[in-house]
Amino acid sequence: MNMSFKEKSTWLSLVATLLIFGDYAISVVIMDANVLNPDEMIEVAMHNLGSAVLLIIIVEIIFQSLIAAGSRNKMEIDGDERDRLITLSSNNSGYWVLSIGVIITLGHLILPYVFGIEFSLEERTNIPMFKMHLLLFTFIVAEIVRFSHQIYLYRNDAV
């Protein structure tokens, strides 16, 4: 399977995002409120988030550099018109997911005041700083959709 630099780069970003932030998401969801108090849960979540962000930066720098070093020429790294169209189309799909997630989060913040109903998913899920995590996971899902759509377009066009 002969892939362009951009497709290899996208595969790397998708796999790194799924593994690193998937592990982070699991660590946040499985926190036990019976073992940790709310302040400890926040501290653990922030430590794990910091570690995940640092790890994604390190992985991306190292492996993107290796992919770039293995590229044949500068023109391949810059991409062509096809790469720009694929990037534009996949960015649009990621943007839609991000927009919907932000609207859902805003609804979660505003609706209790509009209807006078005190409803907190944070208490029901035991996820510390639920609203921040909702926005973070929306961003991560938007990135996964963007990378997946980009790979789909590369593979679809390669046939």
N, C-alpha and C. Protein backbone atom coordinates (compact mmCIF):
# COMPACT_ATOMS: atom_id res chain seq x y z
N MET A 1 0.85 -1.17 0.00
CA MET A 1 0.00 0.00 0.00
C MET A 1 0.90 1.24 0.00
N ASN A 2 0.85 2.00 -1.08
CA ASN A 2 1.67 3.19 -1.23
C ASN A 2 0.87 4.41 -0.79
N MET A 3 1.29 5.04 0.30
CA MET A 3 0.57 6.19 0.84
C MET A 3 1.40 7.44 0.68
N SER A 4 0.71 8.55 0.53
CA SER A 4 1.39 9.84 0.47
C SER A 4 1.80 10.27 1.88
N PHE A 5 2.64 11.29 1.95
CA PHE A 5 3.07 11.83 3.25
C PHE A 5 1.86 12.28 4.06
N LYS A 6 0.93 12.98 3.42
CA LYS A 6 -0.24 13.50 4.14
C LYS A 6 -1.10 12.37 4.71
N GLU A 7 -1.26 11.29 3.93
CA GLU A 7 -2.07 10.18 4.43
C GLU A 7 -1.38 9.47 5.59
N LYS A 8 -0.08 9.26 5.49
CA LYS A 8 0.67 8.65 6.61
C LYS A 8 0.56 9.52 7.85
N SER A 9 0.68 10.82 7.66
CA SER A 9 0.59 11.77 8.77
C SER A 9 -0.79 11.71 9.42
N THR A 10 -1.82 11.61 8.60
CA THR A 10 -3.18 11.54 9.11
C THR A 10 -3.42 10.24 9.88
N TRP A 11 -2.92 9.12 9.35
CA TRP A 11 -3.04 7.84 10.05
C TRP A 11 -2.38 7.92 11.42
N LEU A 12 -1.18 8.50 11.46
CA LEU A 12 -0.46 8.64 12.72
C LEU A 12 -1.27 9.47 13.72
N SER A 13 -1.79 10.58 13.27
CA SER A 13 -2.57 11.45 14.16
C SER A 13 -3.82 10.75 14.66
N LEU A 14 -4.49 10.00 13.79
CA LEU A 14 -5.69 9.28 14.19
C LEU A 14 -5.38 8.22 15.24
N VAL A 15 -4.37 7.40 14.97
CA VAL A 15 -4.03 6.33 15.91
C VAL A 15 -3.56 6.91 17.25
N ALA A 16 -2.71 7.95 17.20
CA ALA A 16 -2.21 8.57 18.44
C ALA A 16 -3.37 9.16 19.25
N THR A 17 -4.28 9.84 18.58
CA THR A 17 -5.43 10.45 19.26
C THR A 17 -6.30 9.38 19.90
N LEU A 18 -6.60 8.32 19.14
CA LEU A 18 -7.44 7.24 19.67
C LEU A 18 -6.80 6.57 20.89
N LEU A 19 -5.52 6.27 20.78
CA LEU A 19 -4.86 5.56 21.89
C LEU A 19 -4.67 6.44 23.12
N ILE A 20 -4.13 7.63 22.92
CA ILE A 20 -3.78 8.48 24.07
C ILE A 20 -5.02 9.07 24.73
N PHE A 21 -5.91 9.67 23.93
CA PHE A 21 -7.09 10.27 24.54
C PHE A 21 -8.15 9.23 24.87
N GLY A 22 -8.10 8.08 24.19
CA GLY A 22 -8.97 6.97 24.59
C GLY A 22 -8.63 6.49 25.97
N ASP A 23 -7.32 6.35 26.23
CA ASP A 23 -6.86 5.95 27.55
C ASP A 23 -7.25 7.00 28.59
N TYR A 24 -7.12 8.28 28.24
CA TYR A 24 -7.51 9.35 29.16
C TYR A 24 -9.01 9.28 29.46
N ALA A 25 -9.82 9.10 28.41
CA ALA A 25 -11.27 9.05 28.60
C ALA A 25 -11.66 7.90 29.52
N ILE A 26 -11.03 6.76 29.31
CA ILE A 26 -11.31 5.60 30.16
C ILE A 26 -10.92 5.89 31.61
N SER A 27 -9.77 6.54 31.80
CA SER A 27 -9.33 6.84 33.17
C SER A 27 -10.28 7.80 33.88
N VAL A 28 -10.90 8.70 33.13
CA VAL A 28 -11.84 9.65 33.73
C VAL A 28 -13.17 8.96 34.04
N VAL A 29 -13.64 8.14 33.12
CA VAL A 29 -14.94 7.50 33.30
C VAL A 29 -14.93 6.47 34.42
N ILE A 30 -13.81 5.77 34.60
CA ILE A 30 -13.78 4.70 35.61
C ILE A 30 -13.39 5.18 37.00
N MET A 31 -13.19 6.49 37.17
CA MET A 31 -12.87 6.99 38.51
C MET A 31 -13.99 6.62 39.47
N ASP A 32 -13.60 6.16 40.63
CA ASP A 32 -14.57 5.71 41.62
C ASP A 32 -14.78 6.80 42.67
N ALA A 33 -15.98 7.33 42.70
CA ALA A 33 -16.31 8.39 43.66
C ALA A 33 -16.33 7.85 45.09
N ASN A 34 -16.40 6.55 45.26
CA ASN A 34 -16.39 5.98 46.60
C ASN A 34 -14.98 5.94 47.18
N VAL A 35 -13.98 5.96 46.30
CA VAL A 35 -12.58 5.89 46.75
C VAL A 35 -11.97 7.29 46.85
N LEU A 36 -12.28 8.14 45.89
CA LEU A 36 -11.71 9.49 45.84
C LEU A 36 -12.77 10.53 46.14
N ASN A 37 -12.38 11.57 46.87
CA ASN A 37 -13.31 12.67 47.08
C ASN A 37 -13.27 13.57 45.83
N PRO A 38 -14.22 14.48 45.67
CA PRO A 38 -14.28 15.30 44.44
C PRO A 38 -12.99 16.07 44.13
N ASP A 39 -12.34 16.60 45.15
CA ASP A 39 -11.09 17.34 44.90
C ASP A 39 -9.99 16.41 44.38
N GLU A 40 -9.92 15.21 44.93
CA GLU A 40 -8.93 14.24 44.46
C GLU A 40 -9.24 13.79 43.03
N MET A 41 -10.52 13.65 42.71
CA MET A 41 -10.91 13.28 41.35
C MET A 41 -10.47 14.34 40.35
N ILE A 42 -10.66 15.61 40.71
CA ILE A 42 -10.24 16.71 39.84
C ILE A 42 -8.74 16.71 39.68
N GLU A 43 -8.03 16.50 40.78
CA GLU A 43 -6.56 16.48 40.73
C GLU A 43 -6.06 15.34 39.84
N VAL A 44 -6.63 14.16 39.98
CA VAL A 44 -6.23 13.02 39.16
C VAL A 44 -6.56 13.27 37.69
N ALA A 45 -7.75 13.81 37.43
CA ALA A 45 -8.15 14.08 36.05
C ALA A 45 -7.22 15.11 35.40
N MET A 46 -6.87 16.16 36.14
CA MET A 46 -5.98 17.19 35.58
C MET A 46 -4.57 16.66 35.35
N HIS A 47 -4.10 15.80 36.26
CA HIS A 47 -2.79 15.18 36.08
C HIS A 47 -2.80 14.28 34.84
N ASN A 48 -3.85 13.47 34.69
CA ASN A 48 -3.96 12.59 33.53
C ASN A 48 -4.10 13.38 32.23
N LEU A 49 -4.84 14.49 32.29
CA LEU A 49 -4.99 15.33 31.09
C LEU A 49 -3.65 15.94 30.70
N GLY A 50 -2.93 16.45 31.67
CA GLY A 50 -1.61 17.02 31.39
C GLY A 50 -0.68 15.99 30.78
N SER A 51 -0.71 14.78 31.33
CA SER A 51 0.11 13.70 30.79
C SER A 51 -0.30 13.35 29.36
N ALA A 52 -1.60 13.30 29.11
CA ALA A 52 -2.08 12.96 27.76
C ALA A 52 -1.67 14.02 26.74
N VAL A 53 -1.80 15.29 27.11
CA VAL A 53 -1.42 16.37 26.19
C VAL A 53 0.07 16.33 25.92
N LEU A 54 0.86 16.17 26.96
CA LEU A 54 2.32 16.08 26.79
C LEU A 54 2.70 14.88 25.92
N LEU A 55 2.06 13.75 26.16
CA LEU A 55 2.36 12.55 25.38
C LEU A 55 1.97 12.71 23.92
N ILE A 56 0.82 13.32 23.64
CA ILE A 56 0.41 13.50 22.23
C ILE A 56 1.38 14.44 21.52
N ILE A 57 1.86 15.46 22.22
CA ILE A 57 2.83 16.38 21.61
C ILE A 57 4.13 15.65 21.29
N ILE A 58 4.62 14.87 22.24
CA ILE A 58 5.88 14.13 22.03
C ILE A 58 5.74 13.11 20.90
N VAL A 59 4.66 12.34 20.92
CA VAL A 59 4.45 11.32 19.88
C VAL A 59 4.34 11.98 18.51
N GLU A 60 3.56 13.04 18.41
CA GLU A 60 3.39 13.71 17.12
C GLU A 60 4.72 14.27 16.61
N ILE A 61 5.48 14.92 17.48
CA ILE A 61 6.76 15.50 17.05
C ILE A 61 7.70 14.41 16.56
N ILE A 62 7.85 13.36 17.33
CA ILE A 62 8.81 12.31 16.96
C ILE A 62 8.39 11.59 15.69
N PHE A 63 7.16 11.12 15.64
CA PHE A 63 6.75 10.30 14.51
C PHE A 63 6.47 11.12 13.25
N GLN A 64 5.96 12.33 13.39
CA GLN A 64 5.79 13.18 12.21
C GLN A 64 7.15 13.52 11.61
N SER A 65 8.14 13.73 12.48
CA SER A 65 9.51 14.00 11.99
C SER A 65 10.06 12.80 11.24
N LEU A 66 9.82 11.61 11.77
CA LEU A 66 10.28 10.40 11.09
C LEU A 66 9.60 10.22 9.73
N ILE A 67 8.31 10.48 9.69
CA ILE A 67 7.59 10.38 8.41
C ILE A 67 8.13 11.41 7.42
N ALA A 68 8.35 12.63 7.89
CA ALA A 68 8.87 13.68 7.01
C ALA A 68 10.28 13.34 6.53
N ALA A 69 11.10 12.78 7.40
CA ALA A 69 12.47 12.41 7.01
C ALA A 69 12.46 11.32 5.95
N GLY A 70 11.46 10.45 5.98
CA GLY A 70 11.36 9.37 5.00
C GLY A 70 10.69 9.79 3.70
N SER A 71 10.22 11.02 3.62
CA SER A 71 9.55 11.48 2.41
C SER A 71 10.57 11.72 1.31
N ARG A 72 10.10 11.56 0.09
CA ARG A 72 10.99 11.66 -1.05
C ARG A 72 11.42 13.08 -1.38
N ASN A 73 10.50 14.00 -1.28
CA ASN A 73 10.85 15.39 -1.64
C ASN A 73 9.93 16.38 -0.92
N LYS A 74 10.30 17.65 -1.04
CA LYS A 74 9.54 18.71 -0.37
C LYS A 74 8.14 18.85 -0.96
N MET A 75 8.02 18.59 -2.25
CA MET A 75 6.72 18.71 -2.91
C MET A 75 5.71 17.73 -2.31
N GLU A 76 6.17 16.54 -1.94
CA GLU A 76 5.29 15.55 -1.34
C GLU A 76 4.81 16.02 0.04
N ILE A 77 5.69 16.65 0.79
CA ILE A 77 5.33 17.14 2.12
C ILE A 77 4.32 18.28 2.01
N ASP A 78 4.50 19.17 1.06
CA ASP A 78 3.59 20.30 0.89
C ASP A 78 2.22 19.85 0.38
N GLY A 79 2.17 18.79 -0.37
CA GLY A 79 0.91 18.30 -0.91
C GLY A 79 0.55 19.00 -2.20
N ASP A 80 -0.53 18.54 -2.79
CA ASP A 80 -1.00 19.12 -4.04
C ASP A 80 -2.44 19.58 -3.89
N GLU A 81 -3.09 19.89 -5.01
CA GLU A 81 -4.47 20.38 -4.97
C GLU A 81 -5.41 19.32 -4.37
N ARG A 82 -5.18 18.06 -4.67
CA ARG A 82 -6.01 16.98 -4.13
C ARG A 82 -5.92 16.96 -2.61
N ASP A 83 -4.70 17.10 -2.08
CA ASP A 83 -4.52 17.13 -0.62
C ASP A 83 -5.26 18.30 0.00
N ARG A 84 -5.21 19.45 -0.64
CA ARG A 84 -5.91 20.62 -0.09
C ARG A 84 -7.42 20.43 -0.11
N LEU A 85 -7.96 19.82 -1.16
CA LEU A 85 -9.41 19.59 -1.22
C LEU A 85 -9.84 18.55 -0.17
N ILE A 86 -9.03 17.52 0.00
CA ILE A 86 -9.34 16.51 1.01
C ILE A 86 -9.31 17.13 2.40
N THR A 87 -8.30 17.95 2.66
CA THR A 87 -8.20 18.62 3.96
C THR A 87 -9.39 19.54 4.20
N LEU A 88 -9.77 20.29 3.19
CA LEU A 88 -10.91 21.20 3.31
C LEU A 88 -12.20 20.44 3.62
N SER A 89 -12.45 19.38 2.89
CA SER A 89 -13.66 18.59 3.09
C SER A 89 -13.69 17.95 4.48
N SER A 90 -12.57 17.38 4.90
CA SER A 90 -12.54 16.74 6.22
C SER A 90 -12.60 17.76 7.35
N ASN A 91 -12.02 18.94 7.14
CA ASN A 91 -12.14 19.99 8.16
C ASN A 91 -13.60 20.40 8.34
N ASN A 92 -14.36 20.45 7.26
CA ASN A 92 -15.78 20.79 7.35
C ASN A 92 -16.54 19.77 8.18
N SER A 93 -16.27 18.49 7.98
CA SER A 93 -16.99 17.46 8.76
C SER A 93 -16.61 17.54 10.24
N GLY A 94 -15.32 17.77 10.53
CA GLY A 94 -14.91 17.94 11.92
C GLY A 94 -15.52 19.17 12.56
N TYR A 95 -15.63 20.25 11.77
CA TYR A 95 -16.22 21.49 12.27
C TYR A 95 -17.68 21.27 12.66
N TRP A 96 -18.43 20.52 11.86
CA TRP A 96 -19.84 20.27 12.18
C TRP A 96 -19.97 19.51 13.49
N VAL A 97 -19.14 18.52 13.70
CA VAL A 97 -19.18 17.76 14.94
C VAL A 97 -18.86 18.66 16.12
N LEU A 98 -17.82 19.48 15.97
CA LEU A 98 -17.43 20.41 17.04
C LEU A 98 -18.56 21.40 17.33
N SER A 99 -19.19 21.93 16.30
CA SER A 99 -20.28 22.89 16.48
C SER A 99 -21.45 22.27 17.23
N ILE A 100 -21.82 21.06 16.85
CA ILE A 100 -22.93 20.38 17.52
C ILE A 100 -22.59 20.12 18.98
N GLY A 101 -21.36 19.71 19.26
CA GLY A 101 -20.93 19.47 20.64
C GLY A 101 -20.95 20.72 21.48
N VAL A 102 -20.53 21.84 20.91
CA VAL A 102 -20.55 23.10 21.64
C VAL A 102 -21.99 23.53 21.92
N ILE A 103 -22.88 23.35 20.96
CA ILE A 103 -24.28 23.70 21.17
C ILE A 103 -24.90 22.83 22.26
N ILE A 104 -24.57 21.55 22.27
CA ILE A 104 -25.07 20.65 23.33
C ILE A 104 -24.55 21.10 24.69
N THR A 105 -23.27 21.45 24.75
CA THR A 105 -22.69 21.91 26.02
C THR A 105 -23.35 23.21 26.48
N LEU A 106 -23.56 24.14 25.55
CA LEU A 106 -24.24 25.38 25.91
C LEU A 106 -25.66 25.11 26.39
N GLY A 107 -26.33 24.17 25.74
CA GLY A 107 -27.67 23.79 26.19
C GLY A 107 -27.64 23.23 27.60
N HIS A 108 -26.64 22.42 27.89
CA HIS A 108 -26.49 21.86 29.24
C HIS A 108 -26.25 22.96 30.28
N LEU A 109 -25.57 24.03 29.86
CA LEU A 109 -25.30 25.14 30.78
C LEU A 109 -26.50 26.07 30.95
N ILE A 110 -27.25 26.29 29.89
CA ILE A 110 -28.31 27.31 29.89
C ILE A 110 -29.68 26.76 30.30
N LEU A 111 -30.02 25.57 29.87
CA LEU A 111 -31.37 25.04 30.10
C LEU A 111 -31.81 25.02 31.56
N PRO A 112 -30.93 24.70 32.50
CA PRO A 112 -31.40 24.75 33.90
C PRO A 112 -31.89 26.14 34.31
N TYR A 113 -31.28 27.19 33.78
CA TYR A 113 -31.71 28.55 34.12
C TYR A 113 -32.98 28.93 33.38
N VAL A 114 -33.14 28.45 32.17
CA VAL A 114 -34.31 28.79 31.37
C VAL A 114 -35.56 28.13 31.95
N PHE A 115 -35.46 26.84 32.30
CA PHE A 115 -36.62 26.10 32.78
C PHE A 115 -36.68 25.99 34.30
N GLY A 116 -35.67 26.48 34.99
CA GLY A 116 -35.66 26.42 36.44
C GLY A 116 -35.48 25.01 36.98
N ILE A 117 -34.92 24.14 36.15
CA ILE A 117 -34.70 22.75 36.56
C ILE A 117 -33.23 22.58 36.89
N GLU A 118 -32.96 22.08 38.05
CA GLU A 118 -31.57 21.82 38.42
C GLU A 118 -31.25 20.38 38.03
N PHE A 119 -30.53 20.26 36.94
CA PHE A 119 -30.18 18.95 36.41
C PHE A 119 -28.69 18.95 36.14
N SER A 120 -27.96 18.11 36.81
CA SER A 120 -26.53 18.07 36.64
C SER A 120 -26.08 16.67 36.25
N LEU A 121 -25.53 16.56 35.05
CA LEU A 121 -24.99 15.28 34.61
C LEU A 121 -23.73 14.92 35.38
N GLU A 122 -23.06 15.95 35.90
CA GLU A 122 -21.83 15.69 36.66
C GLU A 122 -22.12 14.81 37.87
N GLU A 123 -23.23 15.06 38.55
CA GLU A 123 -23.59 14.26 39.72
C GLU A 123 -24.01 12.85 39.31
N ARG A 124 -24.64 12.72 38.16
CA ARG A 124 -25.12 11.42 37.72
C ARG A 124 -24.02 10.55 37.11
N THR A 125 -22.97 11.17 36.57
CA THR A 125 -21.92 10.41 35.89
C THR A 125 -20.68 10.21 36.74
N ASN A 126 -20.52 11.00 37.79
CA ASN A 126 -19.30 10.99 38.61
C ASN A 126 -18.06 11.39 37.83
N ILE A 127 -18.24 12.12 36.75
CA ILE A 127 -17.10 12.63 35.99
C ILE A 127 -16.79 14.02 36.52
N PRO A 128 -15.57 14.22 37.04
CA PRO A 128 -15.22 15.54 37.58
C PRO A 128 -15.16 16.58 36.47
N MET A 129 -15.57 17.80 36.77
CA MET A 129 -15.56 18.90 35.80
C MET A 129 -16.23 18.47 34.49
N PHE A 130 -17.46 18.01 34.60
CA PHE A 130 -18.16 17.40 33.48
C PHE A 130 -18.23 18.32 32.26
N LYS A 131 -18.51 19.59 32.49
CA LYS A 131 -18.66 20.52 31.35
C LYS A 131 -17.35 20.68 30.58
N MET A 132 -16.24 20.76 31.31
CA MET A 132 -14.94 20.86 30.66
C MET A 132 -14.66 19.58 29.87
N HIS A 133 -14.97 18.43 30.45
CA HIS A 133 -14.74 17.17 29.75
C HIS A 133 -15.67 17.01 28.56
N LEU A 134 -16.88 17.51 28.68
CA LEU A 134 -17.81 17.46 27.54
C LEU A 134 -17.24 18.23 26.36
N LEU A 135 -16.72 19.43 26.63
CA LEU A 135 -16.09 20.21 25.55
C LEU A 135 -14.82 19.53 25.03
N LEU A 136 -14.01 19.00 25.92
CA LEU A 136 -12.78 18.31 25.51
C LEU A 136 -13.10 17.09 24.66
N PHE A 137 -14.04 16.28 25.09
CA PHE A 137 -14.39 15.08 24.32
C PHE A 137 -15.05 15.46 23.00
N THR A 138 -15.79 16.55 22.97
CA THR A 138 -16.35 17.03 21.71
C THR A 138 -15.22 17.38 20.74
N PHE A 139 -14.21 18.06 21.25
CA PHE A 139 -13.06 18.41 20.41
C PHE A 139 -12.34 17.15 19.93
N ILE A 140 -12.14 16.19 20.80
CA ILE A 140 -11.45 14.95 20.42
C ILE A 140 -12.26 14.17 19.40
N VAL A 141 -13.56 14.07 19.60
CA VAL A 141 -14.41 13.37 18.62
C VAL A 141 -14.39 14.11 17.28
N ALA A 142 -14.39 15.43 17.30
CA ALA A 142 -14.31 16.19 16.05
C ALA A 142 -13.00 15.91 15.33
N GLU A 143 -11.91 15.81 16.06
CA GLU A 143 -10.61 15.48 15.46
C GLU A 143 -10.63 14.06 14.89
N ILE A 144 -11.22 13.12 15.60
CA ILE A 144 -11.31 11.75 15.11
C ILE A 144 -12.15 11.69 13.84
N VAL A 145 -13.25 12.41 13.81
CA VAL A 145 -14.09 12.47 12.60
C VAL A 145 -13.30 13.09 11.46
N ARG A 146 -12.57 14.16 11.74
CA ARG A 146 -11.78 14.83 10.70
C ARG A 146 -10.72 13.89 10.13
N PHE A 147 -9.95 13.24 11.01
CA PHE A 147 -8.91 12.32 10.55
C PHE A 147 -9.53 11.15 9.78
N SER A 148 -10.62 10.59 10.30
CA SER A 148 -11.26 9.45 9.65
C SER A 148 -11.80 9.82 8.28
N HIS A 149 -12.42 10.98 8.19
CA HIS A 149 -12.95 11.44 6.90
C HIS A 149 -11.81 11.67 5.91
N GLN A 150 -10.73 12.22 6.40
CA GLN A 150 -9.57 12.47 5.55
C GLN A 150 -9.01 11.13 5.02
N ILE A 151 -8.87 10.15 5.88
CA ILE A 151 -8.38 8.84 5.46
C ILE A 151 -9.36 8.19 4.48
N TYR A 152 -10.65 8.31 4.76
CA TYR A 152 -11.66 7.76 3.84
C TYR A 152 -11.50 8.38 2.46
N LEU A 153 -11.33 9.69 2.41
CA LEU A 153 -11.19 10.35 1.10
C LEU A 153 -9.90 9.93 0.40
N TYR A 154 -8.82 9.77 1.12
CA TYR A 154 -7.58 9.29 0.51
C TYR A 154 -7.77 7.87 -0.03
N ARG A 155 -8.36 6.99 0.78
CA ARG A 155 -8.55 5.60 0.36
C ARG A 155 -9.58 5.50 -0.77
N ASN A 156 -10.63 6.27 -0.70
CA ASN A 156 -11.67 6.24 -1.71
C ASN A 156 -11.11 6.68 -3.06
N ASP A 157 -10.28 7.69 -3.05
CA ASP A 157 -9.70 8.21 -4.28
C ASP A 157 -8.59 7.30 -4.81
N ALA A 158 -7.99 6.52 -3.90
CA ALA A 158 -6.86 5.66 -4.29
C ALA A 158 -7.33 4.43 -5.06
N VAL A 159 -8.62 4.10 -4.98
CA VAL A 159 -9.13 2.90 -5.64
C VAL A 159 -9.18 3.09 -7.14
